[in-house]
PDB file of N, CA and C in Angstrom:
ATOM      1  N   MET A   1      82.215 111.093  90.096  1.00  0.00           N
ATOM      2  CA  MET A   1      83.053 111.226  88.945  1.00  0.00           C
ATOM      3  C   MET A   1      83.238 109.957  88.440  1.00  0.00           C
ATOM      4  N   ASP A   2      83.306 108.820  89.212  1.00  0.00           N
ATOM      5  CA  ASP A   2      83.801 107.625  88.665  1.00  0.00           C
ATOM      6  C   ASP A   2      82.835 106.980  87.569  1.00  0.00           C
ATOM      7  N   VAL A   3      83.034 107.215  86.434  1.00  0.00           N
ATOM      8  CA  VAL A   3      81.984 106.441  85.360  1.00  0.00           C
ATOM      9  C   VAL A   3      82.880 105.958  84.348  1.00  0.00           C
ATOM     10  N   GLY A   4      83.916 106.196  84.046  1.00  0.00           N
ATOM     11  CA  GLY A   4      84.668 105.593  83.240  1.00  0.00           C
ATOM     12  C   GLY A   4      85.356 104.291  83.584  1.00  0.00           C
ATOM     13  N   SER A   5      86.105 103.686  82.648  1.00  0.00           N
ATOM     14  CA  SER A   5      86.427 102.200  82.848  1.00  0.00           C
ATOM     15  C   SER A   5      87.962 102.318  83.335  1.00  0.00           C
ATOM     16  N   ARG A   6      88.572 103.535  83.235  1.00  0.00           N
ATOM     17  CA  ARG A   6      89.974 103.611  83.610  1.00  0.00           C
ATOM     18  C   ARG A   6      90.076 104.785  84.474  1.00  0.00           C
ATOM     19  N   THR A   7      91.086 105.119  85.276  1.00  0.00           N
ATOM     20  CA  THR A   7      91.654 106.075  86.338  1.00  0.00           C
ATOM     21  C   THR A   7      92.959 106.178  86.192  1.00  0.00           C
ATOM     22  N   VAL A   8      93.349 107.892  85.820  1.00  0.00           N
ATOM     23  CA  VAL A   8      94.886 107.866  86.110  1.00  0.00           C
ATOM     24  C   VAL A   8      94.691 109.028  87.164  1.00  0.00           C
ATOM     25  N   GLU A   9      95.882 109.028  88.130  1.00  0.00           N
ATOM     26  CA  GLU A   9      96.070 110.139  89.130  1.00  0.00           C
ATOM     27  C   GLU A   9      97.661 110.652  89.003  1.00  0.00           C
ATOM     28  N   VAL A  10      97.819 111.809  89.156  1.00  0.00           N
ATOM     29  CA  VAL A  10      99.165 112.294  89.269  1.00  0.00           C
ATOM     30  C   VAL A  10      99.150 113.542  90.194  1.00  0.00           C
ATOM     31  N   GLN A  11     100.343 113.428  90.830  1.00  0.00           N
ATOM     32  CA  GLN A  11     100.099 114.513  91.902  1.00  0.00           C
ATOM     33  C   GLN A  11     101.503 115.424  91.789  1.00  0.00           C
ATOM     34  N   GLN A  12     101.473 116.434  92.168  1.00  0.00           N
ATOM     35  CA  GLN A  12     102.638 117.527  92.145  1.00  0.00           C
ATOM     36  C   GLN A  12     102.498 118.471  93.489  1.00  0.00           C
ATOM     37  N   LEU A  13     103.683 118.577  94.121  1.00  0.00           N
ATOM     38  CA  LEU A  13     103.834 119.604  95.103  1.00  0.00           C
ATOM     39  C   LEU A  13     104.172 120.932  94.459  1.00  0.00           C
ATOM     40  N   VAL A  14     103.380 122.123  94.964  1.00  0.00           N
ATOM     41  CA  VAL A  14     103.663 123.240  94.419  1.00  0.00           C
ATOM     42  C   VAL A  14     103.823 124.111  95.554  1.00  0.00           C
ATOM     43  N   GLU A  15     105.014 125.334  95.312  1.00  0.00           N
ATOM     44  CA  GLU A  15     105.419 126.161  96.188  1.00  0.00           C
ATOM     45  C   GLU A  15     104.439 127.612  96.309  1.00  0.00           C
ATOM     46  N   MET A  16     103.125 127.142  96.628  1.00  0.00           N
ATOM     47  CA  MET A  16     102.121 128.123  96.555  1.00  0.00           C
ATOM     48  C   MET A  16     101.038 127.683  97.658  1.00  0.00           C
ATOM     49  N   ASP A  17     100.126 128.631  97.963  1.00  0.00           N
ATOM     50  CA  ASP A  17      99.267 128.136  98.861  1.00  0.00           C
ATOM     51  C   ASP A  17      97.897 127.884  98.106  1.00  0.00           C
ATOM     52  N   PRO A  18      97.010 127.127  98.454  1.00  0.00           N
ATOM     53  CA  PRO A  18      95.741 126.542  97.581  1.00  0.00           C
ATOM     54  C   PRO A  18      95.170 127.562  96.647  1.00  0.00           C
ATOM     55  N   GLU A  19      95.011 128.914  97.113  1.00  0.00           N
ATOM     56  CA  GLU A  19      94.240 129.830  96.387  1.00  0.00           C
ATOM     57  C   GLU A  19      94.860 130.297  95.219  1.00  0.00           C
ATOM     58  N   SER A  20      96.133 130.895  95.389  1.00  0.00           N
ATOM     59  CA  SER A  20      97.152 131.418  94.539  1.00  0.00           C
ATOM     60  C   SER A  20      97.363 130.185  93.453  1.00  0.00           C
ATOM     61  N   CYS A  21      97.476 128.961  93.821  1.00  0.00           N
ATOM     62  CA  CYS A  21      97.699 127.779  92.872  1.00  0.00           C
ATOM     63  C   CYS A  21      96.628 127.691  92.024  1.00  0.00           C
ATOM     64  N   TYR A  22      95.474 127.663  92.600  1.00  0.00           N
ATOM     65  CA  TYR A  22      94.121 127.506  91.653  1.00  0.00           C
ATOM     66  C   TYR A  22      94.210 128.732  90.813  1.00  0.00           C
ATOM     67  N   ASP A  23      94.313 129.721  91.057  1.00  0.00           N
ATOM     68  CA  ASP A  23      94.440 130.995  90.450  1.00  0.00           C
ATOM     69  C   ASP A  23      95.446 130.789  89.085  1.00  0.00           C
ATOM     70  N   ALA A  24      96.580 130.363  89.425  1.00  0.00           N
ATOM     71  CA  ALA A  24      97.723 129.945  88.486  1.00  0.00           C
ATOM     72  C   ALA A  24      97.605 129.113  87.668  1.00  0.00           C
ATOM     73  N   PHE A  25      96.671 127.920  88.146  1.00  0.00           N
ATOM     74  CA  PHE A  25      96.251 127.011  87.356  1.00  0.00           C
ATOM     75  C   PHE A  25      95.346 127.293  86.184  1.00  0.00           C
ATOM     76  N   LEU A  26      94.339 128.157  86.631  1.00  0.00           N
ATOM     77  CA  LEU A  26      93.363 128.806  85.616  1.00  0.00           C
ATOM     78  C   LEU A  26      93.929 129.574  84.514  1.00  0.00           C
ATOM     79  N   SER A  27      95.087 130.644  85.205  1.00  0.00           N
ATOM     80  CA  SER A  27      95.566 131.600  84.080  1.00  0.00           C
ATOM     81  C   SER A  27      96.949 130.906  83.219  1.00  0.00           C
ATOM     82  N   LYS A  28      97.629 129.978  83.933  1.00  0.00           N
ATOM     83  CA  LYS A  28      98.862 129.528  83.393  1.00  0.00           C
ATOM     84  C   LYS A  28      98.513 128.351  82.576  1.00  0.00           C
ATOM     85  N   VAL A  29      97.933 127.559  82.953  1.00  0.00           N
ATOM     86  CA  VAL A  29      97.589 126.287  82.389  1.00  0.00           C
ATOM     87  C   VAL A  29      96.437 125.982  81.667  1.00  0.00           C
ATOM     88  N   TRP A  30      95.022 126.287  82.274  1.00  0.00           N
ATOM     89  CA  TRP A  30      94.114 126.430  81.346  1.00  0.00           C
ATOM     90  C   TRP A  30      94.024 127.697  80.253  1.00  0.00           C
ATOM     91  N   LYS A  31      94.245 128.747  80.500  1.00  0.00           N
ATOM     92  CA  LYS A  31      94.172 129.985  79.523  1.00  0.00           C
ATOM     93  C   LYS A  31      95.244 129.949  78.473  1.00  0.00           C
ATOM     94  N   GLU A  32      96.569 129.815  79.219  1.00  0.00           N
ATOM     95  CA  GLU A  32      97.665 129.937  78.506  1.00  0.00           C
ATOM     96  C   GLU A  32      98.279 128.709  77.976  1.00  0.00           C
ATOM     97  N   GLY A  33      97.978 127.544  78.399  1.00  0.00           N
ATOM     98  CA  GLY A  33      98.305 126.259  77.833  1.00  0.00           C
ATOM     99  C   GLY A  33      99.333 125.549  78.666  1.00  0.00           C
ATOM    100  N   GLY A  34      99.908 126.112  79.542  1.00  0.00           N
ATOM    101  CA  GLY A  34     100.890 125.484  80.418  1.00  0.00           C
ATOM    102  C   GLY A  34     102.092 125.145  79.430  1.00  0.00           C
ATOM    103  N   GLY A  35     102.638 125.791  78.396  1.00  0.00           N
ATOM    104  CA  GLY A  35     103.614 125.682  77.745  1.00  0.00           C
ATOM    105  C   GLY A  35     103.477 124.377  76.624  1.00  0.00           C
ATOM    106  N   LEU A  36     102.078 124.326  76.589  1.00  0.00           N
ATOM    107  CA  LEU A  36     101.674 123.269  75.273  1.00  0.00           C
ATOM    108  C   LEU A  36     101.170 123.646  74.244  1.00  0.00           C
ATOM    109  N   GLY A  37     101.273 125.091  74.125  1.00  0.00           N
ATOM    110  CA  GLY A  37     100.592 126.032  73.070  1.00  0.00           C
ATOM    111  C   GLY A  37      99.252 126.441  73.638  1.00  0.00           C
ATOM    112  N   THR A  38      99.133 127.703  73.164  1.00  0.00           N
ATOM    113  CA  THR A  38      98.114 128.548  73.551  1.00  0.00           C
ATOM    114  C   THR A  38      96.798 128.013  72.988  1.00  0.00           C
ATOM    115  N   PRO A  39      95.691 127.488  74.140  1.00  0.00           N
ATOM    116  CA  PRO A  39      94.587 127.170  73.787  1.00  0.00           C
ATOM    117  C   PRO A  39      93.646 128.250  73.079  1.00  0.00           C
ATOM    118  N   LYS A  40      92.543 127.953  72.314  1.00  0.00           N
ATOM    119  CA  LYS A  40      91.619 129.318  71.797  1.00  0.00           C
ATOM    120  C   LYS A  40      90.169 128.880  73.070  1.00  0.00           C
ATOM    121  N   ILE A  41      90.350 130.319  73.551  1.00  0.00           N
ATOM    122  CA  ILE A  41      88.963 130.092  74.412  1.00  0.00           C
ATOM    123  C   ILE A  41      87.905 130.575  73.585  1.00  0.00           C
ATOM    124  N   LEU A  42      87.086 129.456  73.733  1.00  0.00           N
ATOM    125  CA  LEU A  42      85.627 129.770  73.116  1.00  0.00           C
ATOM    126  C   LEU A  42      84.431 130.279  73.811  1.00  0.00           C
ATOM    127  N   GLN A  43      84.443 129.996  74.978  1.00  0.00           N
ATOM    128  CA  GLN A  43      83.566 130.653  76.217  1.00  0.00           C
ATOM    129  C   GLN A  43      84.388 130.953  77.611  1.00  0.00           C
ATOM    130  N   GLU A  44      84.466 132.434  78.119  1.00  0.00           N
ATOM    131  CA  GLU A  44      84.996 132.821  79.106  1.00  0.00           C
ATOM    132  C   GLU A  44      83.796 132.231  80.223  1.00  0.00           C
ATOM    133  N   GLY A  45      84.356 131.667  81.290  1.00  0.00           N
ATOM    134  CA  GLY A  45      83.874 131.112  82.433  1.00  0.00           C
ATOM    135  C   GLY A  45      83.888 132.076  83.477  1.00  0.00           C
ATOM    136  N   ASP A  46      83.208 131.861  84.579  1.00  0.00           N
ATOM    137  CA  ASP A  46      83.323 132.502  85.709  1.00  0.00           C
ATOM    138  C   ASP A  46      84.604 132.905  85.892  1.00  0.00           C
ATOM    139  N   PRO A  47      85.010 134.491  86.116  1.00  0.00           N
ATOM    140  CA  PRO A  47      86.232 134.874  86.507  1.00  0.00           C
ATOM    141  C   PRO A  47      86.945 134.492  87.721  1.00  0.00           C
ATOM    142  N   VAL A  48      86.222 133.883  88.713  1.00  0.00           N
ATOM    143  CA  VAL A  48      86.963 133.188  90.123  1.00  0.00           C
ATOM    144  C   VAL A  48      87.057 131.855  89.866  1.00  0.00           C
ATOM    145  N   THR A  49      85.959 131.155  89.409  1.00  0.00           N
ATOM    146  CA  THR A  49      86.049 129.836  89.405  1.00  0.00           C
ATOM    147  C   THR A  49      86.465 128.786  88.278  1.00  0.00           C
ATOM    148  N   GLY A  50      86.071 129.761  87.169  1.00  0.00           N
ATOM    149  CA  GLY A  50      86.423 129.078  85.714  1.00  0.00           C
ATOM    150  C   GLY A  50      85.238 128.331  85.236  1.00  0.00           C
ATOM    151  N   ALA A  51      84.352 127.954  86.206  1.00  0.00           N
ATOM    152  CA  ALA A  51      82.936 127.278  85.723  1.00  0.00           C
ATOM    153  C   ALA A  51      82.779 127.878  84.517  1.00  0.00           C
ATOM    154  N   ASP A  52      82.489 126.934  83.478  1.00  0.00           N
ATOM    155  CA  ASP A  52      81.773 127.283  82.206  1.00  0.00           C
ATOM    156  C   ASP A  52      82.906 127.948  81.245  1.00  0.00           C
ATOM    157  N   CYS A  53      84.171 127.737  81.714  1.00  0.00           N
ATOM    158  CA  CYS A  53      84.920 128.155  80.598  1.00  0.00           C
ATOM    159  C   CYS A  53      84.901 126.985  79.677  1.00  0.00           C
ATOM    160  N   VAL A  54      85.058 127.231  78.308  1.00  0.00           N
ATOM    161  CA  VAL A  54      85.449 126.104  77.175  1.00  0.00           C
ATOM    162  C   VAL A  54      86.603 126.570  76.443  1.00  0.00           C
ATOM    163  N   ARG A  55      87.462 125.768  76.318  1.00  0.00           N
ATOM    164  CA  ARG A  55      88.765 126.164  75.352  1.00  0.00           C
ATOM    165  C   ARG A  55      88.825 124.816  74.562  1.00  0.00           C
ATOM    166  N   GLN A  56      89.536 125.257  73.425  1.00  0.00           N
ATOM    167  CA  GLN A  56      89.873 124.453  72.198  1.00  0.00           C
ATOM    168  C   GLN A  56      91.449 124.248  72.222  1.00  0.00           C
ATOM    169  N   VAL A  57      91.890 122.886  72.391  1.00  0.00           N
ATOM    170  CA  VAL A  57      93.158 122.856  72.750  1.00  0.00           C
ATOM    171  C   VAL A  57      93.862 121.979  71.067  1.00  0.00           C
ATOM    172  N   ALA A  58      95.097 121.740  71.082  1.00  0.00           N
ATOM    173  CA  ALA A  58      95.437 120.970  70.176  1.00  0.00           C
ATOM    174  C   ALA A  58      94.751 119.981  69.607  1.00  0.00           C
ATOM    175  N   LEU A  59      94.696 119.850  68.130  1.00  0.00           N
ATOM    176  CA  LEU A  59      93.915 119.006  67.370  1.00  0.00           C
ATOM    177  C   LEU A  59      92.273 118.902  67.376  1.00  0.00           C
ATOM    178  N   GLY A  60      92.158 120.006  67.831  1.00  0.00           N
ATOM    179  CA  GLY A  60      90.858 120.601  67.763  1.00  0.00           C
ATOM    180  C   GLY A  60      89.856 119.962  69.162  1.00  0.00           C
ATOM    181  N   ILE A  61      90.450 119.546  69.986  1.00  0.00           N
ATOM    182  CA  ILE A  61      89.918 118.895  71.441  1.00  0.00           C
ATOM    183  C   ILE A  61      89.087 119.893  72.187  1.00  0.00           C
ATOM    184  N   VAL A  62      87.960 119.907  72.458  1.00  0.00           N
ATOM    185  CA  VAL A  62      87.222 121.124  73.068  1.00  0.00           C
ATOM    186  C   VAL A  62      86.860 120.482  74.484  1.00  0.00           C
ATOM    187  N   GLU A  63      87.513 121.143  75.589  1.00  0.00           N
ATOM    188  CA  GLU A  63      87.236 121.067  77.095  1.00  0.00           C
ATOM    189  C   GLU A  63      86.551 121.881  77.519  1.00  0.00           C
ATOM    190  N   HIS A  64      85.725 121.682  78.790  1.00  0.00           N
ATOM    191  CA  HIS A  64      84.880 122.589  79.213  1.00  0.00           C
ATOM    192  C   HIS A  64      84.845 122.247  81.020  1.00  0.00           C
ATOM    193  N   ILE A  65      84.912 123.504  81.584  1.00  0.00           N
ATOM    194  CA  ILE A  65      85.132 123.122  83.088  1.00  0.00           C
ATOM    195  C   ILE A  65      83.478 123.418  83.553  1.00  0.00           C
ATOM    196  N   LEU A  66      83.417 122.488  84.246  1.00  0.00           N
ATOM    197  CA  LEU A  66      82.067 122.052  84.678  1.00  0.00           C
ATOM    198  C   LEU A  66      81.792 123.025  86.115  1.00  0.00           C
ATOM    199  N   GLN A  67      82.608 122.656  86.947  1.00  0.00           N
ATOM    200  CA  GLN A  67      82.409 123.460  88.178  1.00  0.00           C
ATOM    201  C   GLN A  67      83.747 123.536  89.064  1.00  0.00           C
ATOM    202  N   GLY A  68      83.935 124.584  89.677  1.00  0.00           N
ATOM    203  CA  GLY A  68      85.189 124.602  90.365  1.00  0.00           C
ATOM    204  C   GLY A  68      85.059 125.462  91.903  1.00  0.00           C
ATOM    205  N   GLN A  69      85.657 125.366  92.843  1.00  0.00           N
ATOM    206  CA  GLN A  69      85.718 126.105  93.832  1.00  0.00           C
ATOM    207  C   GLN A  69      87.190 126.542  94.322  1.00  0.00           C
ATOM    208  N   ARG A  70      87.186 127.938  94.199  1.00  0.00           N
ATOM    209  CA  ARG A  70      88.687 128.404  94.154  1.00  0.00           C
ATOM    210  C   ARG A  70      89.566 128.019  95.311  1.00  0.00           C
ATOM    211  N   GLY A  71      90.706 127.527  95.223  1.00  0.00           N
ATOM    212  CA  GLY A  71      91.434 127.113  96.291  1.00  0.00           C
ATOM    213  C   GLY A  71      91.335 125.573  96.712  1.00  0.00           C
ATOM    214  N   ASP A  72      90.137 125.042  96.003  1.00  0.00           N
ATOM    215  CA  ASP A  72      89.664 123.761  96.486  1.00  0.00           C
ATOM    216  C   ASP A  72      89.640 122.581  95.253  1.00  0.00           C
ATOM    217  N   HIS A  73      89.083 122.735  94.315  1.00  0.00           N
ATOM    218  CA  HIS A  73      89.145 121.905  92.953  1.00  0.00           C
ATOM    219  C   HIS A  73      88.362 122.557  91.948  1.00  0.00           C
ATOM    220  N   LEU A  74      88.543 121.722  90.970  1.00  0.00           N
ATOM    221  CA  LEU A  74      87.777 122.011  89.432  1.00  0.00           C
ATOM    222  C   LEU A  74      87.498 120.650  88.777  1.00  0.00           C
ATOM    223  N   GLU A  75      86.392 120.731  88.124  1.00  0.00           N
ATOM    224  CA  GLU A  75      86.021 119.470  87.225  1.00  0.00           C
ATOM    225  C   GLU A  75      85.848 119.890  85.810  1.00  0.00           C
ATOM    226  N   TYR A  76      86.193 119.075  84.865  1.00  0.00           N
ATOM    227  CA  TYR A  76      86.232 119.260  83.561  1.00  0.00           C
ATOM    228  C   TYR A  76      85.996 118.147  82.843  1.00  0.00           C
ATOM    229  N   VAL A  77      85.663 118.060  81.625  1.00  0.00           N
ATOM    230  CA  VAL A  77      85.247 117.146  80.439  1.00  0.00           C
ATOM    231  C   VAL A  77      85.605 117.500  79.167  1.00  0.00           C
ATOM    232  N   ILE A  78      86.094 116.561  78.307  1.00  0.00           N
ATOM    233  CA  ILE A  78      86.342 116.654  77.052  1.00  0.00           C
ATOM    234  C   ILE A  78      85.150 116.457  76.321  1.00  0.00           C
ATOM    235  N   GLU A  79      84.714 117.683  75.585  1.00  0.00           N
ATOM    236  CA  GLU A  79      83.238 117.395  75.014  1.00  0.00           C
ATOM    237  C   GLU A  79      83.337 117.075  73.455  1.00  0.00           C
ATOM    238  N   ASP A  80      84.642 117.386  72.852  1.00  0.00           N
ATOM    239  CA  ASP A  80      84.735 117.286  71.371  1.00  0.00           C
ATOM    240  C   ASP A  80      86.010 117.061  71.041  1.00  0.00           C
ATOM    241  N   GLY A  81      86.212 116.623  69.891  1.00  0.00           N
ATOM    242  CA  GLY A  81      87.480 116.578  69.223  1.00  0.00           C
ATOM    243  C   GLY A  81      87.903 115.174  69.076  1.00  0.00           C
ATOM    244  N   PRO A  82      89.134 114.988  68.403  1.00  0.00           N
ATOM    245  CA  PRO A  82      89.571 113.645  68.157  1.00  0.00           C
ATOM    246  C   PRO A  82      90.265 113.019  69.451  1.00  0.00           C
ATOM    247  N   TRP A  83      89.725 112.741  70.579  1.00  0.00           N
ATOM    248  CA  TRP A  83      89.985 112.038  71.629  1.00  0.00           C
ATOM    249  C   TRP A  83      89.933 110.330  71.731  1.00  0.00           C
ATOM    250  N   PRO A  84      90.464 109.784  72.034  1.00  0.00           N
ATOM    251  CA  PRO A  84      90.290 108.262  71.670  1.00  0.00           C
ATOM    252  C   PRO A  84      89.639 107.786  72.960  1.00  0.00           C
ATOM    253  N   ALA A  85      88.643 108.224  73.312  1.00  0.00           N
ATOM    254  CA  ALA A  85      88.055 108.118  74.730  1.00  0.00           C
ATOM    255  C   ALA A  85      86.400 108.411  74.602  1.00  0.00           C
ATOM    256  N   SER A  86      85.453 107.499  74.883  1.00  0.00           N
ATOM    257  CA  SER A  86      84.223 107.777  74.556  1.00  0.00           C
ATOM    258  C   SER A  86      83.911 108.623  76.012  1.00  0.00           C
ATOM    259  N   TYR A  87      84.561 108.412  76.824  1.00  0.00           N
ATOM    260  CA  TYR A  87      84.137 109.521  78.041  1.00  0.00           C
ATOM    261  C   TYR A  87      85.209 109.989  78.912  1.00  0.00           C
ATOM    262  N   ASN A  88      85.545 111.126  79.136  1.00  0.00           N
ATOM    263  CA  ASN A  88      86.454 111.743  79.774  1.00  0.00           C
ATOM    264  C   ASN A  88      86.199 112.774  80.764  1.00  0.00           C
ATOM    265  N   ARG A  89      86.322 112.576  82.089  1.00  0.00           N
ATOM    266  CA  ARG A  89      86.105 113.494  83.145  1.00  0.00           C
ATOM    267  C   ARG A  89      87.293 113.719  83.869  1.00  0.00           C
ATOM    268  N   ALA A  90      87.912 114.863  84.157  1.00  0.00           N
ATOM    269  CA  ALA A  90      88.808 115.076  85.217  1.00  0.00           C
ATOM    270  C   ALA A  90      88.638 116.082  86.233  1.00  0.00           C
ATOM    271  N   ARG A  91      89.402 115.817  87.494  1.00  0.00           N
ATOM    272  CA  ARG A  91      88.965 116.582  88.538  1.00  0.00           C
ATOM    273  C   ARG A  91      90.609 117.173  88.960  1.00  0.00           C
ATOM    274  N   VAL A  92      90.752 118.450  89.448  1.00  0.00           N
ATOM    275  CA  VAL A  92      92.138 118.852  89.814  1.00  0.00           C
ATOM    276  C   VAL A  92      91.743 119.195  91.375  1.00  0.00           C
ATOM    277  N   ASP A  93      92.473 118.650  92.309  1.00  0.00           N
ATOM    278  CA  ASP A  93      92.201 118.934  93.493  1.00  0.00           C
ATOM    279  C   ASP A  93      93.300 119.881  94.143  1.00  0.00           C
ATOM    280  N   PHE A  94      93.305 120.966  95.048  1.00  0.00           N
ATOM    281  CA  PHE A  94      94.198 121.608  95.552  1.00  0.00           C
ATOM    282  C   PHE A  94      94.201 121.693  96.945  1.00  0.00           C
ATOM    283  N   ARG A  95      95.119 120.940  97.481  1.00  0.00           N
ATOM    284  CA  ARG A  95      94.973 120.577  99.136  1.00  0.00           C
ATOM    285  C   ARG A  95      96.301 121.337  99.883  1.00  0.00           C
ATOM    286  N   SER A  96      96.277 122.028 101.052  1.00  0.00           N
ATOM    287  CA  SER A  96      97.264 122.559 101.548  1.00  0.00           C
ATOM    288  C   SER A  96      98.026 121.371 101.953  1.00  0.00           C
ATOM    289  N   ALA A  97      99.393 121.985 101.918  1.00  0.00           N
ATOM    290  CA  ALA A  97     100.656 120.857 102.424  1.00  0.00           C
ATOM    291  C   ALA A  97     101.110 121.567 103.397  1.00  0.00           C
ATOM    292  N   GLY A  98     100.700 122.645 103.772  1.00  0.00           N
ATOM    293  CA  GLY A  98     101.726 123.323 104.981  1.00  0.00           C
ATOM    294  C   GLY A  98     102.472 124.232 104.472  1.00  0.00           C
ATOM    295  N   GLN A  99     103.097 125.073 105.083  1.00  0.00           N
ATOM    296  CA  GLN A  99     104.165 125.970 104.726  1.00  0.00           C
ATOM    297  C   GLN A  99     104.204 126.464 103.399  1.00  0.00           C
ATOM    298  N   GLY A 100     103.010 127.052 103.061  1.00  0.00           N
ATOM    299  CA  GLY A 100     102.648 127.825 101.738  1.00  0.00           C
ATOM    300  C   GLY A 100     102.829 126.686 100.497  1.00  0.00           C
ATOM    301  N   GLN A 101     102.637 125.592 100.869  1.00  0.00           N
ATOM    302  CA  GLN A 101     102.573 124.447  99.609  1.00  0.00           C
ATOM    303  C   GLN A 101     101.432 123.952  99.481  1.00  0.00           C
ATOM    304  N   THR A 102     100.969 123.446  98.258  1.00  0.00           N
ATOM    305  CA  THR A 102      99.766 122.802  97.968  1.00  0.00           C
ATOM    306  C   THR A 102     100.412 121.574  97.049  1.00  0.00           C
ATOM    307  N   CYS A 103      99.416 120.386  97.126  1.00  0.00           N
ATOM    308  CA  CYS A 103      99.355 119.239  96.886  1.00  0.00           C
ATOM    309  C   CYS A 103      98.321 119.134  95.740  1.00  0.00           C
ATOM    310  N   VAL A 104      98.898 119.140  94.353  1.00  0.00           N
ATOM    311  CA  VAL A 104      97.755 119.274  93.147  1.00  0.00           C
ATOM    312  C   VAL A 104      97.537 117.943  93.066  1.00  0.00           C
ATOM    313  N   THR A 105      96.338 117.593  92.958  1.00  0.00           N
ATOM    314  CA  THR A 105      96.066 116.240  92.431  1.00  0.00           C
ATOM    315  C   THR A 105      95.249 116.254  91.168  1.00  0.00           C
ATOM    316  N   TRP A 106      95.518 115.817  90.162  1.00  0.00           N
ATOM    317  CA  TRP A 106      95.035 115.503  88.761  1.00  0.00           C
ATOM    318  C   TRP A 106      94.269 113.912  88.847  1.00  0.00           C
ATOM    319  N   THR A 107      92.997 113.723  88.509  1.00  0.00           N
ATOM    320  CA  THR A 107      92.448 112.613  88.456  1.00  0.00           C
ATOM    321  C   THR A 107      91.629 112.797  87.242  1.00  0.00           C
ATOM    322  N   SER A 108      91.983 111.647  86.186  1.00  0.00           N
ATOM    323  CA  SER A 108      91.254 111.688  85.004  1.00  0.00           C
ATOM    324  C   SER A 108      90.398 110.261  84.935  1.00  0.00           C
ATOM    325  N   ASN A 109      89.294 110.243  84.596  1.00  0.00           N
ATOM    326  CA  ASN A 109      88.372 109.007  84.728  1.00  0.00           C
ATOM    327  C   ASN A 109      87.779 109.023  83.379  1.00  0.00           C
ATOM    328  N   PHE A 110      88.270 107.831  82.424  1.00  0.00           N
ATOM    329  CA  PHE A 110      87.795 108.011  81.133  1.00  0.00           C
ATOM    330  C   PHE A 110      87.749 106.604  80.664  1.00  0.00           C
ATOM    331  N   THR A 111      86.901 106.244  79.730  1.00  0.00           N
ATOM    332  CA  THR A 111      86.712 105.236  78.969  1.00  0.00           C
ATOM    333  C   THR A 111      87.375 105.089  77.566  1.00  0.00           C
ATOM    334  N   PRO A 112      88.261 104.487  77.105  1.00  0.00           N
ATOM    335  CA  PRO A 112      88.975 103.998  75.893  1.00  0.00           C
ATOM    336  C   PRO A 112      88.094 103.908  74.770  1.00  0.00           C
ATOM    337  N   ALA A 113      87.940 104.477  73.831  1.00  0.00           N
ATOM    338  CA  ALA A 113      86.690 104.283  72.705  1.00  0.00           C
ATOM    339  C   ALA A 113      87.166 102.928  71.943  1.00  0.00           C
ATOM    340  N   LEU A 114      88.138 102.355  71.850  1.00  0.00           N
ATOM    341  CA  LEU A 114      88.497 101.337  71.160  1.00  0.00           C
ATOM    342  C   LEU A 114      88.565 100.160  72.072  1.00  0.00           C
ATOM    343  N   PHE A 115      88.868 100.236  73.552  1.00  0.00           N
ATOM    344  CA  PHE A 115      88.851  99.034  74.494  1.00  0.00           C
ATOM    345  C   PHE A 115      87.586  99.337  75.147  1.00  0.00           C
ATOM    346  N   GLY A 116      86.710  99.919  75.526  1.00  0.00           N
ATOM    347  CA  GLY A 116      85.614 100.176  76.373  1.00  0.00           C
ATOM    348  C   GLY A 116      85.992  99.613  77.424  1.00  0.00           C
TER     349      GLY A 116
END
């Protein structure tokens, strides 16, 4: 995944098992926008993994899930729109933290368009 010149990583502990957390991410965050406005689904993807689902979020930014494995990870790219990066690929990992919890790690790898 590391092709861009910059990487940002964020982690969050969630009170769900990895499979339920993955499902919630797809439905609540990817398809419903996670409280940041409802995206427009341009193409439905695989109903289990979300692979090939394409959405348009705020400002006309188009994101595409490249692949995923339920309860483990998914990867997506920004394909189009006014995003200040010439490359942007992200991965969301879902790892069991025990006791019905999941550590969600979002990693974004990108190259700023202005500062390459």
